Amino acid sequence: MTNPHAPSLTKSLASPTARQTFAQARWVAAWVLGWVVGFGSFNAQAQSVEALDWQPGQSMMPMVISTPHNDVRKLLRQAKYPQALLLVNKGLVNNPRDPQMRFWQGFIFEQLGQSDMGQQVYLGLTQDYPELAEPHNNLGVLYAAKGDYPNAKASLDAALRANPNYAAAHENMGDLLVNMARQSYERSLAIDAKQRGLTQKIERLTPVLAITQGKP
């Protein structure tokens, strides 16, 4: 599933087929550094440039302006998560509703191994900004990693309603449905071991689940 911008941050879910816990699986999350909240258009900007009125004798090169968002993005590229979190928290003191800073905060919590806190941040974002697909997607990733498939599906459904062309959310939904299918087959087989064809269905899902588990 897909999360914030840091070169292709992908998470995958580990499948029971591989005898791993779902917390070990990786799903596609939103790329943090390149994802910029824009409410309708998401533009990745490496820097903020302010054009100044030109005067004789001045350089015609624009001045690069340091902004809190740019400073956080730079630290995220360098994987300096504790430092980035300090800047994010400082920015949220000045603007508590800043969706970009909040999104980065959730992502950083994940990178620091505090997925429960990240989940709460994403949940708050989906409530305050339901039109943004990325927080729904990342929330779905965290639910799925915990094996909470109903909430994972609900979150991914919300992501796709917000953005029907969100490729990562479609991929995550596909991975989730494959895992849910296997889970249902196994439960059915446990109830009635005499059912024909279920074992074969599970075996045929195994290669797909293996690919899901091994996503880069």
N, C-alpha and C. Protein backbone atom coordinates (compact mmCIF):
# COMPACT_ATOMS: atom_id res chain seq x y z
N MET A 1 0.84 -1.18 0.00
CA MET A 1 0.00 0.00 0.00
C MET A 1 0.88 1.24 0.00
N THR A 2 0.34 2.40 -0.20
CA THR A 2 1.22 3.54 -0.37
C THR A 2 1.15 4.66 0.66
N ASN A 3 2.28 5.20 1.10
CA ASN A 3 2.40 6.21 2.14
C ASN A 3 3.11 7.45 1.62
N PRO A 4 3.75 8.29 2.53
CA PRO A 4 4.39 9.54 2.18
C PRO A 4 5.51 9.45 1.18
N HIS A 5 6.13 10.60 0.86
CA HIS A 5 7.17 10.71 -0.14
C HIS A 5 8.57 10.47 0.36
N ALA A 6 9.09 9.41 0.03
CA ALA A 6 10.48 9.05 0.26
C ALA A 6 10.62 8.01 -0.80
N PRO A 7 11.64 8.05 -1.66
CA PRO A 7 11.62 7.23 -2.85
C PRO A 7 10.83 5.95 -2.70
N SER A 8 9.74 5.87 -3.36
CA SER A 8 8.88 4.70 -3.38
C SER A 8 8.79 3.95 -2.08
N LEU A 9 8.02 4.47 -1.19
CA LEU A 9 7.79 3.79 0.08
C LEU A 9 6.70 2.78 -0.12
N THR A 10 7.03 1.52 -0.15
CA THR A 10 6.03 0.50 -0.33
C THR A 10 5.94 -0.41 0.87
N LYS A 11 4.72 -0.71 1.26
CA LYS A 11 4.51 -1.63 2.35
C LYS A 11 3.75 -2.81 1.79
N SER A 12 4.05 -3.98 2.20
CA SER A 12 3.31 -5.13 1.74
C SER A 12 2.85 -5.94 2.93
N LEU A 13 1.77 -6.66 2.70
CA LEU A 13 1.23 -7.48 3.79
C LEU A 13 1.80 -8.87 3.66
N ALA A 14 2.22 -9.43 4.76
CA ALA A 14 2.69 -10.80 4.72
C ALA A 14 1.48 -11.68 4.73
N SER A 15 1.47 -12.70 3.92
CA SER A 15 0.30 -13.55 3.85
C SER A 15 0.47 -14.77 4.71
N PRO A 16 -0.67 -15.35 5.16
CA PRO A 16 -0.60 -16.54 5.98
C PRO A 16 0.05 -17.65 5.20
N THR A 17 -0.06 -17.55 3.86
CA THR A 17 0.52 -18.58 3.02
C THR A 17 2.01 -18.70 3.28
N ALA A 18 2.65 -17.57 3.46
CA ALA A 18 4.09 -17.57 3.68
C ALA A 18 4.40 -17.83 5.14
N ARG A 19 3.34 -18.11 5.92
CA ARG A 19 3.48 -18.39 7.36
C ARG A 19 4.13 -17.22 8.09
N GLN A 20 3.82 -16.01 7.67
CA GLN A 20 4.31 -14.83 8.37
C GLN A 20 3.11 -14.08 8.91
N THR A 21 3.36 -13.21 9.87
CA THR A 21 2.27 -12.41 10.39
C THR A 21 1.99 -11.29 9.41
N PHE A 22 0.77 -10.79 9.43
CA PHE A 22 0.41 -9.73 8.51
C PHE A 22 1.18 -8.46 8.84
N ALA A 23 1.64 -8.34 10.06
CA ALA A 23 2.43 -7.16 10.43
C ALA A 23 3.74 -7.15 9.68
N GLN A 24 4.15 -8.31 9.14
CA GLN A 24 5.42 -8.38 8.43
C GLN A 24 5.25 -8.11 6.94
N ALA A 25 4.00 -8.11 6.47
CA ALA A 25 3.79 -7.94 5.05
C ALA A 25 3.95 -6.49 4.67
N ARG A 26 4.15 -6.20 3.38
CA ARG A 26 4.37 -4.82 2.96
C ARG A 26 3.30 -4.41 1.96
N TRP A 27 2.71 -3.24 2.19
CA TRP A 27 1.70 -2.72 1.28
C TRP A 27 2.22 -1.40 0.72
N VAL A 28 1.64 -1.00 -0.39
CA VAL A 28 2.03 0.26 -1.01
C VAL A 28 1.49 1.43 -0.21
N ALA A 29 2.34 2.35 0.18
CA ALA A 29 1.90 3.52 0.92
C ALA A 29 2.19 4.78 0.13
N ALA A 30 1.68 5.94 0.55
CA ALA A 30 1.84 7.16 -0.23
C ALA A 30 3.25 7.71 -0.15
N TRP A 31 3.80 8.09 -1.28
CA TRP A 31 5.19 8.57 -1.35
C TRP A 31 5.27 9.93 -0.68
N VAL A 32 5.93 10.00 0.46
CA VAL A 32 5.92 11.20 1.30
C VAL A 32 6.52 12.43 0.69
N LEU A 33 7.71 12.35 0.17
CA LEU A 33 8.40 13.55 -0.27
C LEU A 33 7.73 14.19 -1.46
N GLY A 34 7.18 13.39 -2.34
CA GLY A 34 6.60 13.94 -3.55
C GLY A 34 5.14 14.30 -3.38
N TRP A 35 4.52 13.79 -2.33
CA TRP A 35 3.10 14.05 -2.15
C TRP A 35 2.90 15.37 -1.45
N VAL A 36 2.20 16.26 -2.10
CA VAL A 36 1.94 17.57 -1.52
C VAL A 36 0.44 17.82 -1.56
N VAL A 37 -0.13 18.13 -0.43
CA VAL A 37 -1.56 18.38 -0.36
C VAL A 37 -1.91 19.60 -1.18
N GLY A 38 -2.86 19.44 -2.08
CA GLY A 38 -3.24 20.58 -2.90
C GLY A 38 -4.74 20.68 -3.10
N PHE A 39 -5.51 19.78 -2.52
CA PHE A 39 -6.96 19.79 -2.65
C PHE A 39 -7.38 19.91 -4.11
N GLY A 40 -7.18 18.88 -4.85
CA GLY A 40 -7.58 18.87 -6.25
C GLY A 40 -6.38 18.62 -7.13
N SER A 41 -5.25 19.22 -6.83
CA SER A 41 -4.05 18.93 -7.60
C SER A 41 -2.93 18.70 -6.62
N PHE A 42 -2.17 17.63 -6.86
CA PHE A 42 -1.06 17.29 -5.97
C PHE A 42 0.22 17.53 -6.73
N ASN A 43 0.94 18.57 -6.38
CA ASN A 43 2.16 18.93 -7.08
C ASN A 43 3.37 18.72 -6.20
N ALA A 44 4.38 18.04 -6.76
CA ALA A 44 5.62 17.84 -6.02
C ALA A 44 6.55 19.01 -6.32
N GLN A 45 6.94 19.73 -5.32
CA GLN A 45 7.85 20.86 -5.50
C GLN A 45 9.07 20.66 -4.63
N ALA A 46 10.24 20.66 -5.26
CA ALA A 46 11.48 20.44 -4.51
C ALA A 46 11.85 21.67 -3.70
N GLN A 47 11.39 22.81 -4.13
CA GLN A 47 11.74 24.02 -3.40
C GLN A 47 10.70 25.09 -3.69
N SER A 48 10.66 26.08 -2.83
CA SER A 48 9.76 27.20 -3.04
C SER A 48 10.58 28.38 -3.53
N VAL A 49 10.18 28.93 -4.66
CA VAL A 49 10.95 30.03 -5.25
C VAL A 49 10.08 31.27 -5.31
N GLU A 50 10.61 32.34 -4.86
CA GLU A 50 9.88 33.61 -4.89
C GLU A 50 10.57 34.54 -5.86
N ALA A 51 9.85 34.97 -6.90
CA ALA A 51 10.42 35.88 -7.90
C ALA A 51 10.38 37.30 -7.35
N LEU A 52 11.51 37.95 -7.35
CA LEU A 52 11.59 39.32 -6.84
C LEU A 52 11.68 40.30 -8.00
N ASP A 53 11.25 41.52 -7.77
CA ASP A 53 11.39 42.54 -8.81
C ASP A 53 12.87 42.75 -9.10
N TRP A 54 13.23 42.72 -10.38
CA TRP A 54 14.65 42.84 -10.75
C TRP A 54 15.05 44.30 -10.80
N GLN A 55 16.23 44.59 -10.26
CA GLN A 55 16.80 45.92 -10.30
C GLN A 55 18.18 45.84 -10.92
N PRO A 56 18.62 46.89 -11.61
CA PRO A 56 19.95 46.87 -12.21
C PRO A 56 21.01 46.49 -11.18
N GLY A 57 21.91 45.61 -11.56
CA GLY A 57 22.98 45.19 -10.68
C GLY A 57 22.63 43.95 -9.88
N GLN A 58 21.35 43.58 -9.87
CA GLN A 58 20.96 42.38 -9.13
C GLN A 58 21.07 41.15 -10.02
N SER A 59 21.26 40.01 -9.38
CA SER A 59 21.26 38.75 -10.11
C SER A 59 19.86 38.48 -10.63
N MET A 60 19.77 37.91 -11.82
CA MET A 60 18.46 37.58 -12.38
C MET A 60 17.99 36.21 -11.90
N MET A 61 18.83 35.53 -11.10
CA MET A 61 18.42 34.24 -10.56
C MET A 61 17.43 34.47 -9.42
N PRO A 62 16.35 33.73 -9.40
CA PRO A 62 15.38 33.90 -8.31
C PRO A 62 15.98 33.47 -6.98
N MET A 63 15.45 34.00 -5.91
CA MET A 63 15.92 33.66 -4.58
C MET A 63 15.17 32.43 -4.07
N VAL A 64 15.91 31.47 -3.57
CA VAL A 64 15.30 30.28 -3.01
C VAL A 64 14.91 30.56 -1.57
N ILE A 65 13.65 30.40 -1.28
CA ILE A 65 13.14 30.70 0.05
C ILE A 65 12.99 29.42 0.85
N SER A 66 13.55 29.42 2.05
CA SER A 66 13.40 28.27 2.93
C SER A 66 12.03 28.34 3.60
N THR A 67 11.29 27.25 3.53
CA THR A 67 9.98 27.19 4.18
C THR A 67 9.95 25.95 5.07
N PRO A 68 9.05 25.92 6.05
CA PRO A 68 8.95 24.74 6.91
C PRO A 68 8.71 23.46 6.11
N HIS A 69 7.86 23.53 5.09
CA HIS A 69 7.58 22.34 4.29
C HIS A 69 8.84 21.85 3.57
N ASN A 70 9.58 22.78 3.00
CA ASN A 70 10.80 22.40 2.29
C ASN A 70 11.83 21.81 3.25
N ASP A 71 11.92 22.40 4.43
CA ASP A 71 12.89 21.90 5.42
C ASP A 71 12.54 20.49 5.86
N VAL A 72 11.24 20.23 6.06
CA VAL A 72 10.82 18.88 6.45
C VAL A 72 11.09 17.91 5.32
N ARG A 73 10.76 18.31 4.10
CA ARG A 73 10.95 17.43 2.95
C ARG A 73 12.43 17.04 2.81
N LYS A 74 13.31 18.00 3.03
CA LYS A 74 14.74 17.73 2.93
C LYS A 74 15.17 16.69 3.96
N LEU A 75 14.69 16.83 5.18
CA LEU A 75 15.04 15.87 6.24
C LEU A 75 14.47 14.49 5.95
N LEU A 76 13.29 14.44 5.36
CA LEU A 76 12.69 13.15 5.03
C LEU A 76 13.51 12.44 3.95
N ARG A 77 13.98 13.21 2.98
CA ARG A 77 14.83 12.62 1.93
C ARG A 77 16.08 12.00 2.54
N GLN A 78 16.56 12.60 3.61
CA GLN A 78 17.77 12.11 4.27
C GLN A 78 17.45 11.08 5.36
N ALA A 79 16.17 10.73 5.47
CA ALA A 79 15.72 9.76 6.48
C ALA A 79 16.06 10.21 7.90
N LYS A 80 16.09 11.52 8.12
CA LYS A 80 16.34 12.06 9.46
C LYS A 80 14.99 12.29 10.14
N TYR A 81 14.36 11.20 10.53
CA TYR A 81 12.99 11.25 11.00
C TYR A 81 12.81 11.99 12.33
N PRO A 82 13.67 11.78 13.33
CA PRO A 82 13.48 12.53 14.58
C PRO A 82 13.56 14.04 14.37
N GLN A 83 14.54 14.47 13.55
CA GLN A 83 14.67 15.91 13.28
C GLN A 83 13.46 16.43 12.51
N ALA A 84 13.00 15.63 11.55
CA ALA A 84 11.84 16.04 10.76
C ALA A 84 10.60 16.16 11.65
N LEU A 85 10.46 15.23 12.59
CA LEU A 85 9.30 15.27 13.48
C LEU A 85 9.30 16.53 14.33
N LEU A 86 10.48 16.97 14.76
CA LEU A 86 10.56 18.20 15.54
C LEU A 86 10.03 19.39 14.74
N LEU A 87 10.42 19.46 13.45
CA LEU A 87 9.96 20.55 12.60
C LEU A 87 8.46 20.44 12.32
N VAL A 88 8.00 19.22 12.11
CA VAL A 88 6.57 19.00 11.85
C VAL A 88 5.75 19.44 13.06
N ASN A 89 6.17 19.02 14.24
CA ASN A 89 5.43 19.39 15.45
C ASN A 89 5.44 20.90 15.67
N LYS A 90 6.56 21.52 15.35
CA LYS A 90 6.64 22.97 15.48
C LYS A 90 5.69 23.64 14.50
N GLY A 91 5.65 23.11 13.27
CA GLY A 91 4.74 23.67 12.28
C GLY A 91 3.28 23.51 12.68
N LEU A 92 2.96 22.39 13.32
CA LEU A 92 1.58 22.14 13.72
C LEU A 92 1.15 23.01 14.90
N VAL A 93 2.12 23.51 15.65
CA VAL A 93 1.78 24.46 16.72
C VAL A 93 1.23 25.74 16.09
N ASN A 94 1.85 26.16 14.98
CA ASN A 94 1.42 27.38 14.29
C ASN A 94 0.16 27.15 13.44
N ASN A 95 0.03 25.95 12.90
CA ASN A 95 -1.13 25.64 12.04
C ASN A 95 -1.55 24.20 12.29
N PRO A 96 -2.35 23.96 13.32
CA PRO A 96 -2.72 22.59 13.71
C PRO A 96 -3.47 21.81 12.65
N ARG A 97 -4.10 22.51 11.68
CA ARG A 97 -4.90 21.82 10.68
C ARG A 97 -4.14 21.58 9.38
N ASP A 98 -2.89 21.95 9.32
CA ASP A 98 -2.10 21.78 8.09
C ASP A 98 -2.10 20.31 7.69
N PRO A 99 -2.81 19.94 6.61
CA PRO A 99 -2.91 18.52 6.26
C PRO A 99 -1.59 17.90 5.82
N GLN A 100 -0.73 18.70 5.16
CA GLN A 100 0.55 18.16 4.72
C GLN A 100 1.43 17.80 5.91
N MET A 101 1.52 18.70 6.87
CA MET A 101 2.32 18.44 8.06
C MET A 101 1.77 17.25 8.84
N ARG A 102 0.46 17.17 8.93
CA ARG A 102 -0.15 16.06 9.66
C ARG A 102 0.12 14.73 8.95
N PHE A 103 0.06 14.77 7.62
CA PHE A 103 0.33 13.55 6.86
C PHE A 103 1.77 13.10 7.09
N TRP A 104 2.71 14.04 7.04
CA TRP A 104 4.11 13.71 7.31
C TRP A 104 4.29 13.20 8.73
N GLN A 105 3.55 13.78 9.66
CA GLN A 105 3.65 13.34 11.05
C GLN A 105 3.27 11.86 11.17
N GLY A 106 2.18 11.49 10.51
CA GLY A 106 1.77 10.09 10.53
C GLY A 106 2.80 9.17 9.93
N PHE A 107 3.38 9.61 8.81
CA PHE A 107 4.40 8.82 8.13
C PHE A 107 5.64 8.65 9.01
N ILE A 108 6.06 9.74 9.65
CA ILE A 108 7.25 9.69 10.50
C ILE A 108 7.02 8.75 11.68
N PHE A 109 5.84 8.81 12.27
CA PHE A 109 5.53 7.89 13.37
C PHE A 109 5.71 6.44 12.91
N GLU A 110 5.26 6.14 11.70
CA GLU A 110 5.43 4.79 11.17
C GLU A 110 6.91 4.42 11.08
N GLN A 111 7.70 5.35 10.54
CA GLN A 111 9.12 5.07 10.36
C GLN A 111 9.84 4.89 11.69
N LEU A 112 9.30 5.49 12.73
CA LEU A 112 9.90 5.39 14.06
C LEU A 112 9.33 4.21 14.85
N GLY A 113 8.54 3.39 14.18
CA GLY A 113 7.98 2.21 14.83
C GLY A 113 6.79 2.48 15.71
N GLN A 114 6.16 3.64 15.53
CA GLN A 114 4.99 4.01 16.34
C GLN A 114 3.74 3.99 15.45
N SER A 115 3.43 2.82 14.92
CA SER A 115 2.34 2.71 13.96
C SER A 115 0.98 3.07 14.56
N ASP A 116 0.78 2.82 15.85
CA ASP A 116 -0.50 3.17 16.48
C ASP A 116 -0.71 4.68 16.46
N MET A 117 0.36 5.43 16.70
CA MET A 117 0.25 6.89 16.65
C MET A 117 0.04 7.36 15.22
N GLY A 118 0.73 6.71 14.29
CA GLY A 118 0.54 7.04 12.88
C GLY A 118 -0.90 6.79 12.47
N GLN A 119 -1.45 5.69 12.94
CA GLN A 119 -2.84 5.36 12.62
C GLN A 119 -3.80 6.43 13.12
N GLN A 120 -3.57 6.94 14.32
CA GLN A 120 -4.43 7.98 14.87
C GLN A 120 -4.34 9.27 14.05
N VAL A 121 -3.14 9.57 13.58
CA VAL A 121 -2.97 10.77 12.76
C VAL A 121 -3.73 10.63 11.45
N TYR A 122 -3.57 9.49 10.78
CA TYR A 122 -4.27 9.27 9.52
C TYR A 122 -5.78 9.27 9.71
N LEU A 123 -6.22 8.66 10.81
CA LEU A 123 -7.65 8.62 11.09
C LEU A 123 -8.21 10.03 11.24
N GLY A 124 -7.47 10.88 11.96
CA GLY A 124 -7.90 12.27 12.12
C GLY A 124 -7.95 13.00 10.79
N LEU A 125 -6.97 12.73 9.93
CA LEU A 125 -6.95 13.36 8.61
C LEU A 125 -8.15 12.94 7.77
N THR A 126 -8.50 11.66 7.83
CA THR A 126 -9.64 11.19 7.03
C THR A 126 -10.94 11.81 7.53
N GLN A 127 -11.00 12.14 8.79
CA GLN A 127 -12.21 12.76 9.34
C GLN A 127 -12.27 14.24 8.99
N ASP A 128 -11.12 14.92 9.02
CA ASP A 128 -11.09 16.35 8.74
C ASP A 128 -11.04 16.66 7.25
N TYR A 129 -10.40 15.77 6.48
CA TYR A 129 -10.25 15.98 5.04
C TYR A 129 -10.62 14.70 4.29
N PRO A 130 -11.89 14.31 4.31
CA PRO A 130 -12.29 13.05 3.67
C PRO A 130 -12.06 13.04 2.16
N GLU A 131 -11.87 14.21 1.57
CA GLU A 131 -11.66 14.28 0.12
C GLU A 131 -10.24 13.90 -0.30
N LEU A 132 -9.33 13.76 0.66
CA LEU A 132 -7.95 13.39 0.35
C LEU A 132 -7.81 11.87 0.37
N ALA A 133 -7.36 11.31 -0.74
CA ALA A 133 -7.29 9.84 -0.85
C ALA A 133 -6.12 9.24 -0.07
N GLU A 134 -4.98 9.93 -0.04
CA GLU A 134 -3.78 9.34 0.54
C GLU A 134 -3.90 8.94 2.01
N PRO A 135 -4.47 9.77 2.87
CA PRO A 135 -4.61 9.33 4.26
C PRO A 135 -5.49 8.08 4.41
N HIS A 136 -6.55 8.00 3.59
CA HIS A 136 -7.40 6.79 3.61
C HIS A 136 -6.56 5.57 3.23
N ASN A 137 -5.75 5.72 2.20
CA ASN A 137 -4.93 4.61 1.73
C ASN A 137 -3.94 4.16 2.80
N ASN A 138 -3.25 5.12 3.39
CA ASN A 138 -2.25 4.77 4.41
C ASN A 138 -2.89 4.16 5.65
N LEU A 139 -4.08 4.64 5.98
CA LEU A 139 -4.81 4.06 7.10
C LEU A 139 -5.17 2.61 6.79
N GLY A 140 -5.57 2.38 5.54
CA GLY A 140 -5.88 1.01 5.12
C GLY A 140 -4.67 0.11 5.20
N VAL A 141 -3.50 0.65 4.87
CA VAL A 141 -2.26 -0.12 4.96
C VAL A 141 -2.03 -0.59 6.39
N LEU A 142 -2.20 0.32 7.33
CA LEU A 142 -1.95 -0.02 8.73
C LEU A 142 -2.97 -1.02 9.26
N TYR A 143 -4.23 -0.84 8.88
CA TYR A 143 -5.24 -1.81 9.31
C TYR A 143 -4.91 -3.19 8.75
N ALA A 144 -4.54 -3.24 7.48
CA ALA A 144 -4.25 -4.52 6.84
C ALA A 144 -3.06 -5.20 7.48
N ALA A 145 -2.04 -4.42 7.82
CA ALA A 145 -0.85 -5.00 8.45
C ALA A 145 -1.17 -5.63 9.80
N LYS A 146 -2.25 -5.16 10.42
CA LYS A 146 -2.67 -5.73 11.71
C LYS A 146 -3.67 -6.87 11.54
N GLY A 147 -4.01 -7.16 10.29
CA GLY A 147 -4.98 -8.22 10.04
C GLY A 147 -6.42 -7.77 10.19
N ASP A 148 -6.64 -6.47 10.31
CA ASP A 148 -7.99 -5.92 10.43
C ASP A 148 -8.52 -5.66 9.03
N TYR A 149 -8.92 -6.72 8.35
CA TYR A 149 -9.32 -6.60 6.95
C TYR A 149 -10.60 -5.79 6.71
N PRO A 150 -11.62 -5.90 7.56
CA PRO A 150 -12.83 -5.09 7.33
C PRO A 150 -12.54 -3.59 7.32
N ASN A 151 -11.78 -3.11 8.31
CA ASN A 151 -11.45 -1.68 8.33
C ASN A 151 -10.48 -1.31 7.22
N ALA A 152 -9.59 -2.23 6.87
CA ALA A 152 -8.67 -1.97 5.76
C ALA A 152 -9.45 -1.77 4.47
N LYS A 153 -10.41 -2.63 4.23
CA LYS A 153 -11.21 -2.52 3.01
C LYS A 153 -12.03 -1.24 3.00
N ALA A 154 -12.61 -0.90 4.15
CA ALA A 154 -13.39 0.34 4.24
C ALA A 154 -12.53 1.55 3.93
N SER A 155 -11.29 1.55 4.41
CA SER A 155 -10.39 2.68 4.17
C SER A 155 -9.98 2.76 2.71
N LEU A 156 -9.69 1.61 2.11
CA LEU A 156 -9.31 1.60 0.70
C LEU A 156 -10.48 1.98 -0.19
N ASP A 157 -11.68 1.54 0.18
CA ASP A 157 -12.87 1.97 -0.56
C ASP A 157 -13.00 3.48 -0.53
N ALA A 158 -12.74 4.07 0.64
CA ALA A 158 -12.83 5.53 0.78
C ALA A 158 -11.76 6.22 -0.06
N ALA A 159 -10.56 5.63 -0.10
CA ALA A 159 -9.48 6.21 -0.91
C ALA A 159 -9.87 6.22 -2.38
N LEU A 160 -10.49 5.15 -2.84
CA LEU A 160 -10.86 5.05 -4.25
C LEU A 160 -12.08 5.89 -4.58
N ARG A 161 -12.94 6.13 -3.61
CA ARG A 161 -14.04 7.07 -3.85
C ARG A 161 -13.49 8.48 -4.00
N ALA A 162 -12.49 8.81 -3.18
CA ALA A 162 -11.88 10.14 -3.25
C ALA A 162 -11.10 10.32 -4.54
N ASN A 163 -10.46 9.25 -5.00
CA ASN A 163 -9.66 9.32 -6.23
C ASN A 163 -9.74 7.97 -6.95
N PRO A 164 -10.69 7.82 -7.87
CA PRO A 164 -10.86 6.55 -8.58
C PRO A 164 -9.64 6.15 -9.41
N ASN A 165 -8.76 7.09 -9.68
CA ASN A 165 -7.57 6.80 -10.49
C ASN A 165 -6.32 6.60 -9.64
N TYR A 166 -6.48 6.34 -8.37
CA TYR A 166 -5.36 6.16 -7.45
C TYR A 166 -4.82 4.74 -7.61
N ALA A 167 -3.75 4.61 -8.40
CA ALA A 167 -3.21 3.29 -8.75
C ALA A 167 -2.78 2.48 -7.54
N ALA A 168 -2.09 3.11 -6.60
CA ALA A 168 -1.59 2.39 -5.43
C ALA A 168 -2.74 1.81 -4.61
N ALA A 169 -3.82 2.57 -4.48
CA ALA A 169 -4.97 2.09 -3.71
C ALA A 169 -5.63 0.90 -4.41
N HIS A 170 -5.66 0.94 -5.74
CA HIS A 170 -6.20 -0.20 -6.49
C HIS A 170 -5.34 -1.44 -6.26
N GLU A 171 -4.02 -1.25 -6.30
CA GLU A 171 -3.12 -2.38 -6.06
C GLU A 171 -3.31 -2.94 -4.66
N ASN A 172 -3.39 -2.03 -3.70
CA ASN A 172 -3.58 -2.48 -2.32
C ASN A 172 -4.90 -3.22 -2.13
N MET A 173 -5.94 -2.72 -2.80
CA MET A 173 -7.23 -3.39 -2.71
C MET A 173 -7.14 -4.79 -3.29
N GLY A 174 -6.44 -4.93 -4.41
CA GLY A 174 -6.27 -6.25 -5.00
C GLY A 174 -5.55 -7.20 -4.06
N ASP A 175 -4.47 -6.72 -3.45
CA ASP A 175 -3.72 -7.55 -2.50
C ASP A 175 -4.60 -7.95 -1.31
N LEU A 176 -5.37 -6.98 -0.84
CA LEU A 176 -6.23 -7.24 0.30
C LEU A 176 -7.28 -8.30 -0.02
N LEU A 177 -7.90 -8.18 -1.19
CA LEU A 177 -8.95 -9.12 -1.57
C LEU A 177 -8.40 -10.54 -1.73
N VAL A 178 -7.17 -10.64 -2.24
CA VAL A 178 -6.55 -11.97 -2.36
C VAL A 178 -6.35 -12.58 -0.97
N ASN A 179 -5.86 -11.78 -0.04
CA ASN A 179 -5.67 -12.27 1.33
C ASN A 179 -6.99 -12.62 1.99
N MET A 180 -8.01 -11.81 1.74
CA MET A 180 -9.32 -12.09 2.30
C MET A 180 -9.91 -13.37 1.72
N ALA A 181 -9.66 -13.59 0.42
CA ALA A 181 -10.16 -14.80 -0.22
C ALA A 181 -9.55 -16.04 0.43
N ARG A 182 -8.24 -16.00 0.61
CA ARG A 182 -7.58 -17.15 1.24
C ARG A 182 -8.13 -17.37 2.66
N GLN A 183 -8.29 -16.29 3.39
CA GLN A 183 -8.79 -16.39 4.76
C GLN A 183 -10.17 -17.05 4.78
N SER A 184 -11.03 -16.65 3.85
CA SER A 184 -12.38 -17.21 3.80
C SER A 184 -12.35 -18.69 3.41
N TYR A 185 -11.50 -19.04 2.44
CA TYR A 185 -11.39 -20.44 2.04
C TYR A 185 -10.92 -21.30 3.21
N GLU A 186 -9.93 -20.80 3.95
CA GLU A 186 -9.40 -21.57 5.08
C GLU A 186 -10.44 -21.74 6.19
N ARG A 187 -11.22 -20.69 6.43
CA ARG A 187 -12.27 -20.80 7.44
C ARG A 187 -13.34 -21.81 7.02
N SER A 188 -13.69 -21.75 5.74
CA SER A 188 -14.68 -22.68 5.22
C SER A 188 -14.19 -24.12 5.33
N LEU A 189 -12.92 -24.31 5.02
CA LEU A 189 -12.34 -25.66 5.09
C LEU A 189 -12.28 -26.16 6.52
N ALA A 190 -12.04 -25.25 7.45
CA ALA A 190 -11.98 -25.64 8.87
C ALA A 190 -13.35 -26.08 9.38
N ILE A 191 -14.40 -25.48 8.82
CA ILE A 191 -15.76 -25.83 9.22
C ILE A 191 -16.18 -27.17 8.62
N ASP A 192 -15.81 -27.36 7.36
CA ASP A 192 -16.18 -28.60 6.66
C ASP A 192 -15.02 -29.05 5.80
N ALA A 193 -14.20 -29.92 6.34
CA ALA A 193 -13.00 -30.38 5.64
C ALA A 193 -13.31 -31.25 4.42
N LYS A 194 -14.56 -31.65 4.25
CA LYS A 194 -14.91 -32.54 3.14
C LYS A 194 -15.26 -31.78 1.86
N GLN A 195 -15.26 -30.46 1.93
CA GLN A 195 -15.61 -29.67 0.75
C GLN A 195 -14.59 -29.88 -0.37
N ARG A 196 -15.08 -30.10 -1.54
CA ARG A 196 -14.20 -30.34 -2.68
C ARG A 196 -13.74 -29.02 -3.29
N GLY A 197 -12.53 -29.01 -3.74
CA GLY A 197 -12.02 -27.87 -4.49
C GLY A 197 -11.40 -26.76 -3.66
N LEU A 198 -11.70 -26.70 -2.37
CA LEU A 198 -11.17 -25.59 -1.57
C LEU A 198 -9.65 -25.65 -1.44
N THR A 199 -9.13 -26.84 -1.21
CA THR A 199 -7.67 -26.98 -1.09
C THR A 199 -7.00 -26.54 -2.37
N GLN A 200 -7.59 -26.90 -3.50
CA GLN A 200 -7.02 -26.52 -4.79
C GLN A 200 -7.07 -25.00 -4.98
N LYS A 201 -8.16 -24.39 -4.57
CA LYS A 201 -8.26 -22.93 -4.67
C LYS A 201 -7.18 -22.25 -3.83
N ILE A 202 -6.98 -22.77 -2.62
CA ILE A 202 -5.96 -22.19 -1.74
C ILE A 202 -4.58 -22.35 -2.36
N GLU A 203 -4.32 -23.51 -2.93
CA GLU A 203 -3.02 -23.76 -3.55
C GLU A 203 -2.78 -22.82 -4.72
N ARG A 204 -3.83 -22.54 -5.47
CA ARG A 204 -3.67 -21.65 -6.63
C ARG A 204 -3.47 -20.20 -6.22
N LEU A 205 -3.94 -19.85 -5.04
CA LEU A 205 -3.70 -18.49 -4.54
C LEU A 205 -2.29 -18.30 -4.01
N THR A 206 -1.64 -19.40 -3.65
CA THR A 206 -0.33 -19.32 -3.02
C THR A 206 0.69 -18.53 -3.83
N PRO A 207 0.84 -18.76 -5.15
CA PRO A 207 1.82 -17.98 -5.92
C PRO A 207 1.50 -16.48 -5.93
N VAL A 208 0.21 -16.15 -5.99
CA VAL A 208 -0.18 -14.73 -5.98
C VAL A 208 0.18 -14.09 -4.65
N LEU A 209 -0.09 -14.80 -3.57
CA LEU A 209 0.24 -14.29 -2.24
C LEU A 209 1.74 -14.15 -2.06
N ALA A 210 2.49 -15.06 -2.67
CA ALA A 210 3.95 -14.98 -2.58
C ALA A 210 4.46 -13.73 -3.27
N ILE A 211 3.85 -13.38 -4.42
CA ILE A 211 4.23 -12.16 -5.13
C ILE A 211 3.88 -10.94 -4.30
N THR A 212 2.71 -10.96 -3.70
CA THR A 212 2.28 -9.85 -2.84
C THR A 212 3.27 -9.64 -1.70
N GLN A 213 3.68 -10.73 -1.12
CA GLN A 213 4.62 -10.66 0.00
C GLN A 213 5.97 -10.12 -0.43
N GLY A 214 6.36 -10.42 -1.66
CA GLY A 214 7.70 -10.04 -2.10
C GLY A 214 7.78 -8.74 -2.84
N LYS A 215 6.70 -7.91 -2.80
CA LYS A 215 6.74 -6.64 -3.51
C LYS A 215 7.88 -5.78 -2.99
N PRO A 216 8.60 -5.08 -3.90
CA PRO A 216 9.73 -4.24 -3.46
C PRO A 216 9.26 -3.07 -2.63
